Amino acid sequence: MRNKKAIKFNSKYPSMEDLRERAKQRIPGFAFDYLDGGCNEEVNLRKNTSEIREVELKPDYLTDYKGLSMETELFGHTYNAPFGIAPVGLQGLMWPNASEILAKASFDYNIPFILSTVTTMNIERASELTEGRAWFQLYHPSDNEVRDNILARAEAAACPVLVLLCDVPTFGFRPKEIRNGLSMPPKMTLNNILQILGKPNWALQTLKHGQPNFETLKPYMPKNLNLKHLGLFMDQMFSKRMNEEKIAPIRDKWKGKIVLKGVATEADAEKAIKLGLDGIIVSNHGGRQLDAGESTIKPMTRIAKKYGNQITVMMDSGIRSGPDVARALASGAAFTFMGRSFMYGVAALGAEGGGHTISLLQTQLQQVMEQLGCNTISDFPRHLV
């Protein structure tokens, strides 16, 4: 485990809602909608957080309390906290250089960072910034040669954990993105241009760091690909629906740990165990794929209770604060991940946003643990009401 970095956050922004509001002020509306929005009527987006917050915890006040430790062992590495940075696509659209800011912060504070296939930093740079500690999330390519090449790059970059995505068999129907021209292929509307002109700091930072691109996918893209053909390329690039036949050869090839992300049912959790995977992340893609589905806390609780002794059960989607992390851990999660929360932080505070958000979450979680009389992360379930 690396040395602990001092926990210190900007007191002007002591909550995730403060960061969200500041982010909304600093970035163009189309970028904020991409970050903040869900699919269809955004019912599941709201349920994710509201139903986590129905979980209640009970304190032990009249007991000896000898302090706390947030250290959490996960796949052979001890992290400083029981939460990490979830994969998010197009991070550089929301704040220029966001991927690098978050990768650096994850290394400094010793928490996991998961790089998305479709974000704006490549595998090699993520590995460089984290000294080979970055996890990699794979959108499964249609072409097996491309799949094998990406896996070879991830292995060469020393990625310790491969995350396979299973909850995007089709692109989510997101009205805000469609209105803003962020569907595939994307288009720059007059309204979007006016929004950019109204956010000069964002525009200047974008000029400095360059137009965001799918950096990991660049070697596989046709040269001089224009926006009109980008949608067709992306549609042809990925096979979308994951199944056991696609996972099995990856399990054979990949020497490190494999996690399946997007699990939402006991049946899929059981298949992951049978395939010899090391972990699952119970997730509904942040409410961006199936509006009529369950919130994440409900299936995670059932899956952890039934299979938590057979596979590492983790969770993302809807977690926004230290108390939310505590609720998820008490409900059976071994670890948690957040996407939007960290993007709010970076969009609000730029280069300082990653460290601020990690410190804020650690401070909030520490207060909950001290209030409960909870010594270690593994003690959380005994505090569940």
Protein backbone atom coordinates (compact mmCIF):
# COMPACT_ATOMS: atom_id res chain seq x y z
CA MET A 1 0.00 0.00 0.00
CA ARG A 2 1.22 3.49 -0.81
CA ASN A 3 1.55 6.23 1.80
CA LYS A 4 -1.64 8.04 2.63
CA LYS A 5 -2.09 11.49 1.13
CA ALA A 6 -3.40 14.12 3.52
CA ILE A 7 -7.20 14.41 3.43
CA LYS A 8 -8.02 18.00 2.58
CA PHE A 9 -10.96 19.39 0.61
CA ASN A 10 -12.11 22.85 -0.43
CA SER A 11 -14.55 24.00 2.26
CA LYS A 12 -16.48 26.08 -0.28
CA TYR A 13 -17.79 22.81 -1.75
CA PRO A 14 -18.57 20.47 1.18
CA SER A 15 -21.22 18.39 -0.61
CA MET A 16 -21.72 16.64 -3.92
CA GLU A 17 -24.64 18.94 -4.69
CA ASP A 18 -22.30 21.93 -4.30
CA LEU A 19 -19.96 20.34 -6.85
CA ARG A 20 -22.85 19.52 -9.17
CA GLU A 21 -24.12 23.11 -9.12
CA ARG A 22 -20.64 24.51 -9.68
CA ALA A 23 -20.08 22.07 -12.57
CA LYS A 24 -23.35 23.21 -14.13
CA GLN A 25 -22.11 26.79 -14.03
CA ARG A 26 -18.72 26.02 -15.59
CA ILE A 27 -19.42 23.72 -18.53
CA PRO A 28 -21.65 24.00 -21.62
CA GLY A 29 -25.20 22.80 -21.21
CA PHE A 30 -24.80 19.91 -23.66
CA ALA A 31 -21.80 18.62 -21.68
CA PHE A 32 -23.65 18.91 -18.38
CA ASP A 33 -26.68 17.11 -19.80
CA TYR A 34 -24.41 14.28 -20.96
CA LEU A 35 -22.92 14.02 -17.48
CA ASP A 36 -26.09 14.46 -15.47
CA GLY A 37 -28.75 12.77 -17.56
CA GLY A 38 -30.27 9.31 -17.80
CA CYS A 39 -32.45 7.52 -20.33
CA ASN A 40 -36.10 8.02 -21.21
CA GLU A 41 -37.90 9.75 -18.30
CA GLU A 42 -34.92 9.33 -15.92
CA VAL A 43 -36.99 7.39 -13.38
CA ASN A 44 -34.24 4.91 -12.60
CA LEU A 45 -31.64 7.67 -12.42
CA ARG A 46 -33.57 9.18 -9.50
CA LYS A 47 -34.43 5.81 -7.91
CA ASN A 48 -30.78 4.78 -7.78
CA THR A 49 -29.93 7.38 -5.15
CA SER A 50 -33.30 7.69 -3.41
CA GLU A 51 -33.54 3.95 -2.73
CA ILE A 52 -29.96 3.72 -1.46
CA ARG A 53 -30.96 6.40 1.03
CA GLU A 54 -33.79 4.27 2.36
CA VAL A 55 -31.10 2.06 3.94
CA GLU A 56 -30.70 2.86 7.65
CA LEU A 57 -27.75 2.23 9.95
CA LYS A 58 -27.63 1.78 13.71
CA PRO A 59 -24.88 3.19 15.97
CA ASP A 60 -23.14 1.58 18.95
CA TYR A 61 -22.53 4.43 21.37
CA LEU A 62 -21.66 2.70 24.65
CA THR A 63 -18.84 0.52 23.41
CA ASP A 64 -15.07 0.88 23.48
CA TYR A 65 -13.94 2.47 20.24
CA LYS A 66 -10.30 2.27 19.31
CA GLY A 67 -10.44 4.15 16.02
CA LEU A 68 -11.05 3.20 12.43
CA SER A 69 -9.40 2.05 9.25
CA MET A 70 -10.85 2.49 5.76
CA GLU A 71 -8.21 0.26 4.20
CA THR A 72 -9.74 -2.34 1.92
CA GLU A 73 -8.02 -5.32 0.30
CA LEU A 74 -9.26 -5.99 -3.21
CA PHE A 75 -7.72 -8.47 -5.67
CA GLY A 76 -4.39 -8.52 -3.88
CA HIS A 77 -3.99 -4.76 -3.42
CA THR A 78 -4.81 -2.76 -0.28
CA TYR A 79 -6.58 0.49 -1.11
CA ASN A 80 -6.90 3.47 1.24
CA ALA A 81 -10.70 3.62 0.93
CA PRO A 82 -13.57 1.30 -0.08
CA PHE A 83 -14.50 3.30 -3.16
CA GLY A 84 -13.05 3.88 -6.62
CA ILE A 85 -13.54 5.83 -9.83
CA ALA A 86 -15.99 4.14 -12.21
CA PRO A 87 -15.46 4.14 -15.99
CA VAL A 88 -17.07 7.10 -17.74
CA GLY A 89 -17.15 7.66 -21.50
CA LEU A 90 -16.10 10.92 -23.14
CA GLN A 91 -14.66 12.39 -19.93
CA GLY A 92 -12.77 15.06 -21.87
CA LEU A 93 -16.05 16.39 -23.28
CA MET A 94 -17.24 17.26 -19.78
CA TRP A 95 -13.94 18.74 -18.65
CA PRO A 96 -10.79 18.85 -20.78
CA ASN A 97 -8.12 16.44 -19.54
CA ALA A 98 -10.56 14.97 -16.99
CA SER A 99 -9.30 11.40 -17.48
CA GLU A 100 -5.73 12.36 -16.64
CA ILE A 101 -6.81 14.43 -13.63
CA LEU A 102 -8.73 11.50 -12.18
CA ALA A 103 -6.07 8.90 -12.97
CA LYS A 104 -3.44 11.02 -11.19
CA ALA A 105 -5.74 11.56 -8.19
CA SER A 106 -6.51 7.84 -7.94
CA PHE A 107 -2.79 7.08 -7.76
CA ASP A 108 -2.05 9.85 -5.25
CA TYR A 109 -4.85 8.74 -2.92
CA ASN A 110 -4.47 5.01 -3.63
CA ILE A 111 -7.95 4.15 -4.87
CA PRO A 112 -8.81 2.23 -8.07
CA PHE A 113 -9.41 4.02 -11.38
CA ILE A 114 -11.24 2.23 -14.20
CA LEU A 115 -10.53 3.44 -17.72
CA SER A 116 -13.39 3.15 -20.23
CA THR A 117 -12.77 1.95 -23.78
CA VAL A 118 -14.72 4.99 -25.00
CA THR A 119 -13.17 7.74 -22.93
CA THR A 120 -10.63 10.35 -23.96
CA MET A 121 -7.38 8.81 -22.67
CA ASN A 122 -5.71 5.66 -23.92
CA ILE A 123 -4.65 2.56 -22.02
CA GLU A 124 -0.96 3.39 -22.21
CA ARG A 125 -1.32 6.87 -20.71
CA ALA A 126 -3.55 5.56 -17.91
CA SER A 127 -0.90 3.00 -17.04
CA GLU A 128 1.82 5.65 -17.08
CA LEU A 129 -0.08 7.94 -14.70
CA THR A 130 -0.95 5.15 -12.25
CA GLU A 131 2.26 3.10 -12.54
CA GLY A 132 0.30 0.15 -13.88
CA ARG A 133 -2.53 0.30 -11.33
CA ALA A 134 -5.37 1.39 -13.66
CA TRP A 135 -8.14 -1.12 -14.35
CA PHE A 136 -9.48 -1.33 -17.90
CA GLN A 137 -13.12 -1.66 -18.94
CA LEU A 138 -13.66 -3.40 -22.28
CA TYR A 139 -16.55 -2.70 -24.61
CA HIS A 140 -16.47 -5.97 -26.54
CA PRO A 141 -15.35 -5.40 -30.17
CA SER A 142 -17.07 -7.17 -33.05
CA ASP A 143 -13.70 -8.16 -34.52
CA ASN A 144 -11.82 -10.75 -32.45
CA GLU A 145 -8.47 -9.51 -33.78
CA VAL A 146 -9.25 -6.04 -32.44
CA ARG A 147 -10.36 -7.60 -29.15
CA ASP A 148 -7.10 -9.51 -28.85
CA ASN A 149 -5.05 -6.46 -29.75
CA ILE A 150 -6.76 -4.34 -27.10
CA LEU A 151 -6.28 -7.11 -24.53
CA ALA A 152 -2.59 -7.35 -25.45
CA ARG A 153 -2.24 -3.59 -24.97
CA ALA A 154 -3.96 -3.78 -21.57
CA GLU A 155 -1.68 -6.64 -20.54
CA ALA A 156 1.42 -4.75 -21.73
CA ALA A 157 0.21 -1.77 -19.69
CA ALA A 158 0.10 -4.04 -16.61
CA CYS A 159 -3.61 -3.47 -15.96
CA PRO A 160 -4.32 -5.71 -12.95
CA VAL A 161 -8.08 -6.00 -13.53
CA LEU A 162 -10.09 -6.31 -16.74
CA VAL A 163 -13.70 -5.15 -16.49
CA LEU A 164 -16.14 -6.61 -19.03
CA LEU A 165 -19.25 -4.56 -19.71
CA CYS A 166 -22.52 -6.44 -20.11
CA ASP A 167 -25.29 -3.83 -19.75
CA VAL A 168 -25.10 -2.11 -23.17
CA PRO A 169 -26.71 -4.57 -25.62
CA THR A 170 -28.14 -1.45 -27.26
CA PHE A 171 -27.41 2.25 -26.88
CA GLY A 172 -29.66 3.91 -24.31
CA PHE A 173 -32.42 6.23 -25.53
CA ARG A 174 -31.43 9.57 -23.98
CA PRO A 175 -33.64 12.47 -25.07
CA LYS A 176 -31.31 15.18 -23.74
CA GLU A 177 -28.39 13.86 -25.78
CA ILE A 178 -30.56 13.55 -28.89
CA ARG A 179 -31.75 17.15 -28.54
CA ASN A 180 -28.17 18.33 -28.00
CA GLY A 181 -26.82 16.52 -31.05
CA LEU A 182 -24.77 14.06 -28.97
CA SER A 183 -26.37 11.04 -30.57
CA MET A 184 -24.38 9.07 -33.14
CA PRO A 185 -23.27 10.67 -35.36
CA PRO A 186 -22.84 13.81 -33.24
CA LYS A 187 -23.49 17.24 -34.70
CA MET A 188 -22.56 20.73 -33.54
CA THR A 189 -25.69 22.88 -33.48
CA LEU A 190 -25.87 26.68 -33.27
CA ASN A 191 -27.19 26.32 -29.73
CA ASN A 192 -24.16 24.22 -28.76
CA ILE A 193 -21.80 26.79 -30.24
CA LEU A 194 -23.49 29.56 -28.25
CA GLN A 195 -23.17 27.45 -25.09
CA ILE A 196 -19.42 27.06 -25.70
CA LEU A 197 -19.01 30.81 -26.20
CA GLY A 198 -20.68 31.30 -22.83
CA LYS A 199 -18.11 29.09 -21.06
CA PRO A 200 -14.76 30.63 -22.08
CA ASN A 201 -12.68 28.76 -19.47
CA TRP A 202 -13.99 25.41 -20.73
CA ALA A 203 -13.33 26.53 -24.32
CA LEU A 204 -9.77 27.67 -23.54
CA GLN A 205 -8.98 24.43 -21.73
CA THR A 206 -10.35 22.48 -24.69
CA LEU A 207 -8.10 24.42 -27.04
CA LYS A 208 -5.16 23.71 -24.74
CA HIS A 209 -5.74 19.97 -24.48
CA GLY A 210 -7.28 19.39 -27.91
CA GLN A 211 -10.64 18.13 -29.13
CA PRO A 212 -11.66 15.03 -27.18
CA ASN A 213 -11.27 11.76 -29.08
CA PHE A 214 -11.69 8.06 -28.41
CA GLU A 215 -7.96 7.68 -27.77
CA THR A 216 -7.85 3.92 -27.15
CA LEU A 217 -9.76 3.29 -30.38
CA LYS A 218 -7.62 5.53 -32.62
CA PRO A 219 -5.50 2.67 -34.06
CA TYR A 220 -8.66 0.95 -35.31
CA MET A 221 -10.38 4.00 -36.81
CA PRO A 222 -10.18 4.78 -40.54
CA LYS A 223 -8.00 7.81 -41.24
CA ASN A 224 -9.76 11.17 -41.69
CA LEU A 225 -12.99 9.77 -40.25
CA ASN A 226 -15.61 12.52 -40.32
CA LEU A 227 -18.49 12.96 -37.91
CA LYS A 228 -20.99 11.65 -40.44
CA HIS A 229 -19.27 8.26 -40.47
CA LEU A 230 -18.37 8.11 -36.77
CA GLY A 231 -21.76 6.70 -35.82
CA LEU A 232 -21.45 3.93 -38.40
CA PHE A 233 -17.94 3.11 -37.18
CA MET A 234 -19.03 2.93 -33.53
CA ASP A 235 -22.02 0.77 -34.44
CA GLN A 236 -19.80 -1.65 -36.36
CA MET A 237 -16.96 -1.56 -33.83
CA PHE A 238 -18.80 -3.17 -30.93
CA SER A 239 -20.77 -6.40 -30.77
CA LYS A 240 -22.78 -4.95 -27.87
CA ARG A 241 -24.57 -7.97 -26.41
CA MET A 242 -22.28 -9.89 -24.08
CA ASN A 243 -22.75 -13.62 -23.56
CA GLU A 244 -20.96 -16.66 -22.16
CA GLU A 245 -19.44 -17.52 -25.57
CA LYS A 246 -17.71 -14.12 -25.70
CA ILE A 247 -16.54 -14.21 -22.08
CA ALA A 248 -15.04 -17.70 -22.07
CA PRO A 249 -12.18 -17.02 -24.56
CA ILE A 250 -11.32 -13.80 -22.73
CA ARG A 251 -11.09 -15.75 -19.47
CA ASP A 252 -8.70 -18.13 -21.22
CA LYS A 253 -6.50 -15.33 -22.59
CA TRP A 254 -6.44 -12.85 -19.69
CA LYS A 255 -3.96 -13.71 -16.93
CA GLY A 256 -5.19 -11.13 -14.42
CA LYS A 257 -8.45 -10.64 -12.59
CA ILE A 258 -11.73 -10.28 -14.49
CA VAL A 259 -14.80 -8.41 -13.27
CA LEU A 260 -18.21 -8.36 -14.98
CA LYS A 261 -19.87 -4.93 -14.79
CA GLY A 262 -23.57 -4.35 -15.27
CA VAL A 263 -24.89 -7.41 -13.45
CA ALA A 264 -28.47 -6.83 -12.31
CA THR A 265 -29.84 -10.31 -11.56
CA GLU A 266 -28.97 -13.40 -9.57
CA ALA A 267 -29.00 -15.45 -12.78
CA ASP A 268 -26.21 -13.38 -14.35
CA ALA A 269 -24.24 -13.42 -11.10
CA GLU A 270 -24.42 -17.21 -11.09
CA LYS A 271 -23.19 -17.34 -14.70
CA ALA A 272 -20.24 -15.11 -13.79
CA ILE A 273 -19.28 -17.55 -11.04
CA LYS A 274 -19.54 -20.54 -13.38
CA LEU A 275 -17.32 -18.76 -15.91
CA GLY A 276 -14.61 -18.40 -13.27
CA LEU A 277 -14.73 -14.61 -13.01
CA ASP A 278 -13.25 -12.90 -9.97
CA GLY A 279 -15.84 -10.23 -9.30
CA ILE A 280 -19.02 -8.50 -10.40
CA ILE A 281 -20.12 -4.89 -10.25
CA VAL A 282 -23.86 -4.67 -9.73
CA SER A 283 -24.79 -1.66 -11.85
CA ASN A 284 -27.45 -0.25 -14.14
CA HIS A 285 -25.05 2.07 -15.99
CA GLY A 286 -26.02 5.00 -13.82
CA GLY A 287 -29.65 4.86 -14.94
CA ARG A 288 -28.58 5.43 -18.56
CA GLN A 289 -29.78 2.16 -20.14
CA LEU A 290 -33.04 0.73 -18.71
CA ASP A 291 -35.41 3.22 -17.13
CA ALA A 292 -37.89 0.50 -16.19
CA GLY A 293 -35.29 -1.53 -14.27
CA GLU A 294 -34.55 -1.85 -10.58
CA SER A 295 -32.31 0.55 -8.70
CA THR A 296 -28.88 -0.94 -7.97
CA ILE A 297 -29.18 -1.33 -4.19
CA LYS A 298 -31.99 -3.90 -4.45
CA PRO A 299 -30.37 -6.57 -6.65
CA MET A 300 -26.96 -5.93 -5.05
CA THR A 301 -28.34 -6.73 -1.61
CA ARG A 302 -29.88 -9.98 -2.84
CA ILE A 303 -26.82 -10.99 -4.87
CA ALA A 304 -24.37 -10.24 -2.04
CA LYS A 305 -26.43 -12.28 0.40
CA LYS A 306 -26.63 -15.28 -1.95
CA TYR A 307 -23.23 -15.20 -3.66
CA GLY A 308 -20.99 -12.91 -1.62
CA ASN A 309 -18.98 -15.87 -0.31
CA GLN A 310 -18.34 -17.16 -3.87
CA ILE A 311 -17.40 -13.99 -5.78
CA THR A 312 -16.48 -10.39 -4.93
CA VAL A 313 -19.68 -8.34 -5.17
CA MET A 314 -19.23 -4.61 -5.81
CA MET A 315 -21.64 -1.85 -6.75
CA ASP A 316 -21.96 1.41 -8.65
CA SER A 317 -24.84 3.66 -9.85
CA GLY A 318 -26.54 6.13 -7.54
CA ILE A 319 -23.81 6.45 -4.90
CA ARG A 320 -23.16 10.14 -4.27
CA SER A 321 -21.64 10.54 -0.79
CA GLY A 322 -19.77 8.96 2.10
CA PRO A 323 -23.04 7.97 3.79
CA ASP A 324 -24.16 6.34 0.51
CA VAL A 325 -20.91 4.33 0.44
CA ALA A 326 -21.62 3.25 4.03
CA ARG A 327 -25.16 2.19 3.13
CA ALA A 328 -23.93 0.08 0.21
CA LEU A 329 -21.21 -1.58 2.30
CA ALA A 330 -23.68 -2.31 5.11
CA SER A 331 -26.02 -3.89 2.54
CA GLY A 332 -23.33 -6.37 1.49
CA ALA A 333 -21.13 -4.67 -1.12
CA ALA A 334 -17.42 -5.46 -0.75
CA PHE A 335 -16.48 -2.26 -2.61
CA THR A 336 -18.15 0.68 -4.36
CA PHE A 337 -17.53 2.82 -7.44
CA MET A 338 -18.75 6.26 -8.49
CA GLY A 339 -18.72 7.93 -11.89
CA ARG A 340 -20.79 11.12 -11.85
CA SER A 341 -19.55 12.17 -8.41
CA PHE A 342 -15.95 12.38 -9.62
CA MET A 343 -16.93 14.08 -12.86
CA TYR A 344 -18.89 16.72 -10.91
CA GLY A 345 -15.71 17.34 -8.91
CA VAL A 346 -13.47 17.75 -11.95
CA ALA A 347 -15.99 19.84 -13.90
CA ALA A 348 -16.38 22.08 -10.84
CA LEU A 349 -12.75 22.44 -9.80
CA GLY A 350 -10.61 21.37 -12.75
CA ALA A 351 -7.22 19.93 -11.78
CA GLU A 352 -8.09 20.08 -8.08
CA GLY A 353 -11.40 18.26 -8.51
CA GLY A 354 -10.15 14.69 -8.27
CA GLY A 355 -8.31 15.12 -4.98
CA HIS A 356 -11.10 17.27 -3.56
CA THR A 357 -13.77 14.66 -4.30
CA ILE A 358 -11.73 11.79 -2.86
CA SER A 359 -10.97 13.81 0.30
CA LEU A 360 -14.60 14.86 0.68
CA LEU A 361 -15.83 11.27 0.42
CA GLN A 362 -13.19 10.04 2.88
CA THR A 363 -14.10 12.76 5.37
CA GLN A 364 -17.81 11.98 5.11
CA LEU A 365 -17.21 8.24 5.46
CA GLN A 366 -14.91 8.75 8.43
CA GLN A 367 -17.62 10.74 10.22
CA VAL A 368 -20.16 7.96 9.60
CA MET A 369 -17.77 5.30 10.91
CA GLU A 370 -16.98 7.29 14.05
CA GLN A 371 -20.67 7.94 14.66
CA LEU A 372 -21.54 4.27 14.28
CA GLY A 373 -18.58 2.97 16.25
CA CYS A 374 -17.49 1.06 13.13
CA ASN A 375 -13.82 0.05 13.22
CA THR A 376 -13.27 -1.47 9.79
CA ILE A 377 -15.05 -1.71 6.44
CA SER A 378 -15.96 -5.34 7.13
CA ASP A 379 -17.87 -4.22 10.25
CA PHE A 380 -20.49 -2.27 8.32
CA PRO A 381 -23.06 -5.10 7.90
CA ARG A 382 -23.52 -5.38 11.68
CA HIS A 383 -24.72 -1.76 11.69
CA LEU A 384 -27.52 -2.40 9.19
CA VAL A 385 -30.96 -1.81 10.64
